[in-house]
Amino acid sequence: MAITITYSYRGQARSLPYANDKYHDIYEALAKAEGVDLSAFLAMEHQLRALTRDKQALKDYREKEFARLGFADIQVTREP
């Protein structure tokens, strides 16, 4: 089953093939494709995981931080 991520980066619509064996999650794949450094993001995410068990808080942080970086309309499509 092929997975494609469609998104817009700084106002330009783009798509990206995704494979679980190459990336930890879709956010890592997007950052790699656009050349964005995630070291500060990953450090803060690690701290949030240590402080809270609320998965919604982590999800909100990811979405807001990636919106700040210029990503929008992130959607995952699975093709049979």
PDB file of N, CA and C in Angstrom:
ATOM      1  N   MET A   1       0.837  -1.160   0.000  1.00  0.00           N
ATOM      2  CA  MET A   1       0.000   0.000   0.000  1.00  0.00           C
ATOM      3  C   MET A   1       0.896   1.243   0.000  1.00  0.00           C
ATOM      4  N   ALA A   2       0.728   2.096  -0.991  1.00  0.00           N
ATOM      5  CA  ALA A   2       1.523   3.307  -1.116  1.00  0.00           C
ATOM      6  C   ALA A   2       0.895   4.433  -0.296  1.00  0.00           C
ATOM      7  N   ILE A   3       1.744   5.210   0.330  1.00  0.00           N
ATOM      8  CA  ILE A   3       1.288   6.340   1.128  1.00  0.00           C
ATOM      9  C   ILE A   3       1.877   7.616   0.540  1.00  0.00           C
ATOM     10  N   THR A   4       1.018   8.608   0.351  1.00  0.00           N
ATOM     11  CA  THR A   4       1.446   9.896  -0.170  1.00  0.00           C
ATOM     12  C   THR A   4       1.009  10.988   0.799  1.00  0.00           C
ATOM     13  N   ILE A   5       1.894  11.930   1.045  1.00  0.00           N
ATOM     14  CA  ILE A   5       1.582  13.071   1.892  1.00  0.00           C
ATOM     15  C   ILE A   5       1.407  14.276   0.974  1.00  0.00           C
ATOM     16  N   THR A   6       0.253  14.916   1.072  1.00  0.00           N
ATOM     17  CA  THR A   6       0.041  16.162   0.342  1.00  0.00           C
ATOM     18  C   THR A   6       0.025  17.291   1.365  1.00  0.00           C
ATOM     19  N   TYR A   7       0.656  18.397   1.008  1.00  0.00           N
ATOM     20  CA  TYR A   7       0.785  19.514   1.933  1.00  0.00           C
ATOM     21  C   TYR A   7       1.102  20.777   1.148  1.00  0.00           C
ATOM     22  N   SER A   8       1.044  21.885   1.825  1.00  0.00           N
ATOM     23  CA  SER A   8       1.537  23.117   1.217  1.00  0.00           C
ATOM     24  C   SER A   8       2.641  23.658   2.120  1.00  0.00           C
ATOM     25  N   TYR A   9       3.668  24.157   1.479  1.00  0.00           N
ATOM     26  CA  TYR A   9       4.805  24.716   2.201  1.00  0.00           C
ATOM     27  C   TYR A   9       5.019  26.133   1.693  1.00  0.00           C
ATOM     28  N   ARG A  10       4.797  27.079   2.573  1.00  0.00           N
ATOM     29  CA  ARG A  10       4.914  28.502   2.252  1.00  0.00           C
ATOM     30  C   ARG A  10       4.091  28.883   1.027  1.00  0.00           C
ATOM     31  N   GLY A  11       2.863  28.346   0.999  1.00  0.00           N
ATOM     32  CA  GLY A  11       1.912  28.709  -0.034  1.00  0.00           C
ATOM     33  C   GLY A  11       1.971  27.886  -1.304  1.00  0.00           C
ATOM     34  N   GLN A  12       2.903  26.952  -1.425  1.00  0.00           N
ATOM     35  CA  GLN A  12       3.024  26.126  -2.619  1.00  0.00           C
ATOM     36  C   GLN A  12       2.574  24.700  -2.301  1.00  0.00           C
ATOM     37  N   ALA A  13       1.629  24.192  -3.102  1.00  0.00           N
ATOM     38  CA  ALA A  13       1.129  22.832  -2.903  1.00  0.00           C
ATOM     39  C   ALA A  13       2.187  21.829  -3.361  1.00  0.00           C
ATOM     40  N   ARG A  14       2.366  20.778  -2.566  1.00  0.00           N
ATOM     41  CA  ARG A  14       3.372  19.755  -2.867  1.00  0.00           C
ATOM     42  C   ARG A  14       2.872  18.392  -2.428  1.00  0.00           C
ATOM     43  N   SER A  15       3.516  17.339  -2.915  1.00  0.00           N
ATOM     44  CA  SER A  15       3.212  15.986  -2.459  1.00  0.00           C
ATOM     45  C   SER A  15       4.517  15.223  -2.313  1.00  0.00           C
ATOM     46  N   LEU A  16       4.460  14.180  -1.495  1.00  0.00           N
ATOM     47  CA  LEU A  16       5.664  13.445  -1.149  1.00  0.00           C
ATOM     48  C   LEU A  16       5.306  11.983  -0.893  1.00  0.00           C
ATOM     49  N   PRO A  17       6.008  11.028  -1.528  1.00  0.00           N
ATOM     50  CA  PRO A  17       5.780   9.623  -1.166  1.00  0.00           C
ATOM     51  C   PRO A  17       6.382   9.361   0.215  1.00  0.00           C
ATOM     52  N   TYR A  18       5.719   8.527   0.990  1.00  0.00           N
ATOM     53  CA  TYR A  18       6.141   8.275   2.367  1.00  0.00           C
ATOM     54  C   TYR A  18       6.325   6.785   2.595  1.00  0.00           C
ATOM     55  N   ALA A  19       7.376   6.435   3.334  1.00  0.00           N
ATOM     56  CA  ALA A  19       7.620   5.045   3.709  1.00  0.00           C
ATOM     57  C   ALA A  19       7.982   4.989   5.187  1.00  0.00           C
ATOM     58  N   ASN A  20       7.338   4.101   5.927  1.00  0.00           N
ATOM     59  CA  ASN A  20       7.585   3.975   7.363  1.00  0.00           C
ATOM     60  C   ASN A  20       8.999   3.516   7.679  1.00  0.00           C
ATOM     61  N   ASP A  21       9.639   2.789   6.772  1.00  0.00           N
ATOM     62  CA  ASP A  21      10.975   2.288   7.057  1.00  0.00           C
ATOM     63  C   ASP A  21      12.057   3.368   6.928  1.00  0.00           C
ATOM     64  N   LYS A  22      11.744   4.502   6.303  1.00  0.00           N
ATOM     65  CA  LYS A  22      12.725   5.565   6.143  1.00  0.00           C
ATOM     66  C   LYS A  22      12.609   6.659   7.205  1.00  0.00           C
ATOM     67  N   TYR A  23      11.387   6.929   7.662  1.00  0.00           N
ATOM     68  CA  TYR A  23      11.158   8.054   8.570  1.00  0.00           C
ATOM     69  C   TYR A  23      10.397   7.604   9.806  1.00  0.00           C
ATOM     70  N   HIS A  24      10.604   8.323  10.894  1.00  0.00           N
ATOM     71  CA  HIS A  24       9.926   8.036  12.156  1.00  0.00           C
ATOM     72  C   HIS A  24       8.443   8.412  12.087  1.00  0.00           C
ATOM     73  N   ASP A  25       8.142   9.560  11.475  1.00  0.00           N
ATOM     74  CA  ASP A  25       6.761   9.997  11.298  1.00  0.00           C
ATOM     75  C   ASP A  25       6.669  10.940  10.101  1.00  0.00           C
ATOM     76  N   ILE A  26       5.453  11.381   9.775  1.00  0.00           N
ATOM     77  CA  ILE A  26       5.272  12.210   8.592  1.00  0.00           C
ATOM     78  C   ILE A  26       5.932  13.575   8.751  1.00  0.00           C
ATOM     79  N   TYR A  27       6.005  14.070   9.963  1.00  0.00           N
ATOM     80  CA  TYR A  27       6.610  15.369  10.189  1.00  0.00           C
ATOM     81  C   TYR A  27       8.108  15.338   9.878  1.00  0.00           C
ATOM     82  N   GLU A  28       8.759  14.265  10.234  1.00  0.00           N
ATOM     83  CA  GLU A  28      10.176  14.104   9.923  1.00  0.00           C
ATOM     84  C   GLU A  28      10.385  14.036   8.411  1.00  0.00           C
ATOM     85  N   ALA A  29       9.502  13.344   7.709  1.00  0.00           N
ATOM     86  CA  ALA A  29       9.599  13.249   6.252  1.00  0.00           C
ATOM     87  C   ALA A  29       9.420  14.608   5.597  1.00  0.00           C
ATOM     88  N   LEU A  30       8.455  15.396   6.071  1.00  0.00           N
ATOM     89  CA  LEU A  30       8.223  16.724   5.512  1.00  0.00           C
ATOM     90  C   LEU A  30       9.432  17.630   5.731  1.00  0.00           C
ATOM     91  N   ALA A  31       9.974  17.604   6.921  1.00  0.00           N
ATOM     92  CA  ALA A  31      11.122  18.447   7.236  1.00  0.00           C
ATOM     93  C   ALA A  31      12.329  18.071   6.383  1.00  0.00           C
ATOM     94  N   LYS A  32      12.543  16.792   6.202  1.00  0.00           N
ATOM     95  CA  LYS A  32      13.661  16.327   5.382  1.00  0.00           C
ATOM     96  C   LYS A  32      13.485  16.779   3.932  1.00  0.00           C
ATOM     97  N   ALA A  33      12.270  16.674   3.410  1.00  0.00           N
ATOM     98  CA  ALA A  33      12.003  17.059   2.024  1.00  0.00           C
ATOM     99  C   ALA A  33      12.222  18.553   1.794  1.00  0.00           C
ATOM    100  N   GLU A  34      11.951  19.371   2.796  1.00  0.00           N
ATOM    101  CA  GLU A  34      12.068  20.824   2.652  1.00  0.00           C
ATOM    102  C   GLU A  34      13.364  21.381   3.240  1.00  0.00           C
ATOM    103  N   GLY A  35      14.185  20.530   3.836  1.00  0.00           N
ATOM    104  CA  GLY A  35      15.460  20.976   4.385  1.00  0.00           C
ATOM    105  C   GLY A  35      15.341  21.773   5.674  1.00  0.00           C
ATOM    106  N   VAL A  36      14.337  21.456   6.484  1.00  0.00           N
ATOM    107  CA  VAL A  36      14.100  22.162   7.745  1.00  0.00           C
ATOM    108  C   VAL A  36      14.809  21.411   8.874  1.00  0.00           C
ATOM    109  N   ASP A  37      15.543  22.140   9.715  1.00  0.00           N
ATOM    110  CA  ASP A  37      16.230  21.545  10.866  1.00  0.00           C
ATOM    111  C   ASP A  37      15.235  21.362  12.010  1.00  0.00           C
ATOM    112  N   LEU A  38      15.102  20.130  12.491  1.00  0.00           N
ATOM    113  CA  LEU A  38      14.136  19.816  13.542  1.00  0.00           C
ATOM    114  C   LEU A  38      14.763  19.606  14.922  1.00  0.00           C
ATOM    115  N   SER A  39      16.008  19.948  15.106  1.00  0.00           N
ATOM    116  CA  SER A  39      16.662  19.652  16.382  1.00  0.00           C
ATOM    117  C   SER A  39      15.970  20.346  17.557  1.00  0.00           C
ATOM    118  N   ALA A  40      15.631  21.612  17.440  1.00  0.00           N
ATOM    119  CA  ALA A  40      14.951  22.322  18.534  1.00  0.00           C
ATOM    120  C   ALA A  40      13.543  21.768  18.735  1.00  0.00           C
ATOM    121  N   PHE A  41      12.860  21.461  17.656  1.00  0.00           N
ATOM    122  CA  PHE A  41      11.521  20.887  17.724  1.00  0.00           C
ATOM    123  C   PHE A  41      11.538  19.551  18.460  1.00  0.00           C
ATOM    124  N   LEU A  42      12.480  18.682  18.100  1.00  0.00           N
ATOM    125  CA  LEU A  42      12.560  17.362  18.728  1.00  0.00           C
ATOM    126  C   LEU A  42      12.930  17.463  20.211  1.00  0.00           C
ATOM    127  N   ALA A  43      13.784  18.410  20.562  1.00  0.00           N
ATOM    128  CA  ALA A  43      14.152  18.597  21.969  1.00  0.00           C
ATOM    129  C   ALA A  43      12.934  19.027  22.790  1.00  0.00           C
ATOM    130  N   MET A  44      12.152  19.962  22.264  1.00  0.00           N
ATOM    131  CA  MET A  44      10.954  20.412  22.983  1.00  0.00           C
ATOM    132  C   MET A  44       9.918  19.298  23.064  1.00  0.00           C
ATOM    133  N   GLU A  45       9.764  18.540  21.989  1.00  0.00           N
ATOM    134  CA  GLU A  45       8.819  17.424  21.994  1.00  0.00           C
ATOM    135  C   GLU A  45       9.219  16.387  23.044  1.00  0.00           C
ATOM    136  N   HIS A  46      10.506  16.140  23.171  1.00  0.00           N
ATOM    137  CA  HIS A  46      10.999  15.203  24.190  1.00  0.00           C
ATOM    138  C   HIS A  46      10.667  15.715  25.595  1.00  0.00           C
ATOM    139  N   GLN A  47      10.833  17.007  25.825  1.00  0.00           N
ATOM    140  CA  GLN A  47      10.498  17.581  27.123  1.00  0.00           C
ATOM    141  C   GLN A  47       9.003  17.488  27.406  1.00  0.00           C
ATOM    142  N   LEU A  48       8.187  17.736  26.400  1.00  0.00           N
ATOM    143  CA  LEU A  48       6.740  17.613  26.580  1.00  0.00           C
ATOM    144  C   LEU A  48       6.336  16.190  26.930  1.00  0.00           C
ATOM    145  N   ARG A  49       6.942  15.218  26.264  1.00  0.00           N
ATOM    146  CA  ARG A  49       6.636  13.812  26.573  1.00  0.00           C
ATOM    147  C   ARG A  49       6.999  13.478  28.015  1.00  0.00           C
ATOM    148  N   ALA A  50       8.074  14.069  28.509  1.00  0.00           N
ATOM    149  CA  ALA A  50       8.500  13.800  29.879  1.00  0.00           C
ATOM    150  C   ALA A  50       7.563  14.454  30.898  1.00  0.00           C
ATOM    151  N   LEU A  51       6.956  15.574  30.516  1.00  0.00           N
ATOM    152  CA  LEU A  51       6.131  16.325  31.464  1.00  0.00           C
ATOM    153  C   LEU A  51       4.658  15.954  31.454  1.00  0.00           C
ATOM    154  N   THR A  52       4.155  15.446  30.337  1.00  0.00           N
ATOM    155  CA  THR A  52       2.724  15.178  30.261  1.00  0.00           C
ATOM    156  C   THR A  52       2.455  13.819  29.622  1.00  0.00           C
ATOM    157  N   ARG A  53       1.337  13.253  29.965  1.00  0.00           N
ATOM    158  CA  ARG A  53       0.893  12.014  29.340  1.00  0.00           C
ATOM    159  C   ARG A  53      -0.255  12.281  28.370  1.00  0.00           C
ATOM    160  N   ASP A  54      -0.608  13.543  28.224  1.00  0.00           N
ATOM    161  CA  ASP A  54      -1.702  13.958  27.362  1.00  0.00           C
ATOM    162  C   ASP A  54      -1.249  13.951  25.898  1.00  0.00           C
ATOM    163  N   LYS A  55      -1.732  12.992  25.127  1.00  0.00           N
ATOM    164  CA  LYS A  55      -1.344  12.877  23.729  1.00  0.00           C
ATOM    165  C   LYS A  55      -1.856  14.043  22.894  1.00  0.00           C
ATOM    166  N   GLN A  56      -2.977  14.627  23.303  1.00  0.00           N
ATOM    167  CA  GLN A  56      -3.520  15.770  22.576  1.00  0.00           C
ATOM    168  C   GLN A  56      -2.584  16.977  22.671  1.00  0.00           C
ATOM    169  N   ALA A  57      -1.917  17.139  23.786  1.00  0.00           N
ATOM    170  CA  ALA A  57      -0.974  18.247  23.943  1.00  0.00           C
ATOM    171  C   ALA A  57       0.192  18.099  22.972  1.00  0.00           C
ATOM    172  N   LEU A  58       0.693  16.879  22.811  1.00  0.00           N
ATOM    173  CA  LEU A  58       1.779  16.631  21.853  1.00  0.00           C
ATOM    174  C   LEU A  58       1.315  16.890  20.423  1.00  0.00           C
ATOM    175  N   LYS A  59       0.124  16.433  20.104  1.00  0.00           N
ATOM    176  CA  LYS A  59      -0.412  16.632  18.754  1.00  0.00           C
ATOM    177  C   LYS A  59      -0.593  18.115  18.467  1.00  0.00           C
ATOM    178  N   ASP A  60      -1.130  18.852  19.427  1.00  0.00           N
ATOM    179  CA  ASP A  60      -1.311  20.298  19.261  1.00  0.00           C
ATOM    180  C   ASP A  60       0.032  20.997  19.058  1.00  0.00           C
ATOM    181  N   TYR A  61       1.036  20.586  19.821  1.00  0.00           N
ATOM    182  CA  TYR A  61       2.367  21.192  19.684  1.00  0.00           C
ATOM    183  C   TYR A  61       2.915  20.947  18.281  1.00  0.00           C
ATOM    184  N   ARG A  62       2.825  19.700  17.801  1.00  0.00           N
ATOM    185  CA  ARG A  62       3.319  19.388  16.455  1.00  0.00           C
ATOM    186  C   ARG A  62       2.633  20.231  15.393  1.00  0.00           C
ATOM    187  N   GLU A  63       1.305  20.273  15.453  1.00  0.00           N
ATOM    188  CA  GLU A  63       0.553  21.012  14.436  1.00  0.00           C
ATOM    189  C   GLU A  63       0.869  22.500  14.462  1.00  0.00           C
ATOM    190  N   LYS A  64       0.935  23.093  15.630  1.00  0.00           N
ATOM    191  CA  LYS A  64       1.207  24.523  15.732  1.00  0.00           C
ATOM    192  C   LYS A  64       2.641  24.858  15.326  1.00  0.00           C
ATOM    193  N   GLU A  65       3.577  24.025  15.715  1.00  0.00           N
ATOM    194  CA  GLU A  65       4.971  24.286  15.376  1.00  0.00           C
ATOM    195  C   GLU A  65       5.202  24.149  13.871  1.00  0.00           C
ATOM    196  N   PHE A  66       4.594  23.154  13.251  1.00  0.00           N
ATOM    197  CA  PHE A  66       4.760  22.999  11.805  1.00  0.00           C
ATOM    198  C   PHE A  66       4.028  24.097  11.043  1.00  0.00           C
ATOM    199  N   ALA A  67       2.941  24.605  11.579  1.00  0.00           N
ATOM    200  CA  ALA A  67       2.281  25.759  10.964  1.00  0.00           C
ATOM    201  C   ALA A  67       3.194  26.984  11.055  1.00  0.00           C
ATOM    202  N   ARG A  68       3.894  27.132  12.166  1.00  0.00           N
ATOM    203  CA  ARG A  68       4.839  28.238  12.326  1.00  0.00           C
ATOM    204  C   ARG A  68       6.004  28.120  11.341  1.00  0.00           C
ATOM    205  N   LEU A  69       6.415  26.887  11.043  1.00  0.00           N
ATOM    206  CA  LEU A  69       7.510  26.657  10.103  1.00  0.00           C
ATOM    207  C   LEU A  69       7.095  26.859   8.643  1.00  0.00           C
ATOM    208  N   GLY A  70       5.781  26.984   8.384  1.00  0.00           N
ATOM    209  CA  GLY A  70       5.325  27.248   7.024  1.00  0.00           C
ATOM    210  C   GLY A  70       4.546  26.121   6.380  1.00  0.00           C
ATOM    211  N   PHE A  71       4.300  25.039   7.101  1.00  0.00           N
ATOM    212  CA  PHE A  71       3.546  23.907   6.560  1.00  0.00           C
ATOM    213  C   PHE A  71       2.057  24.098   6.835  1.00  0.00           C
ATOM    214  N   ALA A  72       1.212  23.670   5.877  1.00  0.00           N
ATOM    215  CA  ALA A  72      -0.229  23.759   6.062  1.00  0.00           C
ATOM    216  C   ALA A  72      -0.902  22.635   5.280  1.00  0.00           C
ATOM    217  N   ASP A  73      -2.142  22.363   5.615  1.00  0.00           N
ATOM    218  CA  ASP A  73      -2.977  21.387   4.890  1.00  0.00           C
ATOM    219  C   ASP A  73      -2.281  20.033   4.727  1.00  0.00           C
ATOM    220  N   ILE A  74      -1.727  19.501   5.794  1.00  0.00           N
ATOM    221  CA  ILE A  74      -1.033  18.216   5.737  1.00  0.00           C
ATOM    222  C   ILE A  74      -2.083  17.097   5.742  1.00  0.00           C
ATOM    223  N   GLN A  75      -2.032  16.247   4.705  1.00  0.00           N
ATOM    224  CA  GLN A  75      -2.977  15.137   4.595  1.00  0.00           C
ATOM    225  C   GLN A  75      -2.239  13.891   4.143  1.00  0.00           C
ATOM    226  N   VAL A  76      -2.611  12.758   4.711  1.00  0.00           N
ATOM    227  CA  VAL A  76      -2.021  11.473   4.344  1.00  0.00           C
ATOM    228  C   VAL A  76      -3.038  10.699   3.518  1.00  0.00           C
ATOM    229  N   THR A  77      -2.611  10.226   2.348  1.00  0.00           N
ATOM    230  CA  THR A  77      -3.480   9.471   1.452  1.00  0.00           C
ATOM    231  C   THR A  77      -2.881   8.084   1.248  1.00  0.00           C
ATOM    232  N   ARG A  78      -3.702   7.076   1.446  1.00  0.00           N
ATOM    233  CA  ARG A  78      -3.270   5.693   1.214  1.00  0.00           C
ATOM    234  C   ARG A  78      -3.883   5.194  -0.087  1.00  0.00           C
ATOM    235  N   GLU A  79      -3.027   4.681  -0.944  1.00  0.00           N
ATOM    236  CA  GLU A  79      -3.484   4.162  -2.234  1.00  0.00           C
ATOM    237  C   GLU A  79      -3.411   2.637  -2.211  1.00  0.00           C
ATOM    238  N   PRO A  80      -4.471   1.968  -2.615  1.00  0.00           N
ATOM    239  CA  PRO A  80      -4.461   0.492  -2.583  1.00  0.00           C
ATOM    240  C   PRO A  80      -3.551  -0.125  -3.621  1.00  0.00           C
TER     241      PRO A  80
END
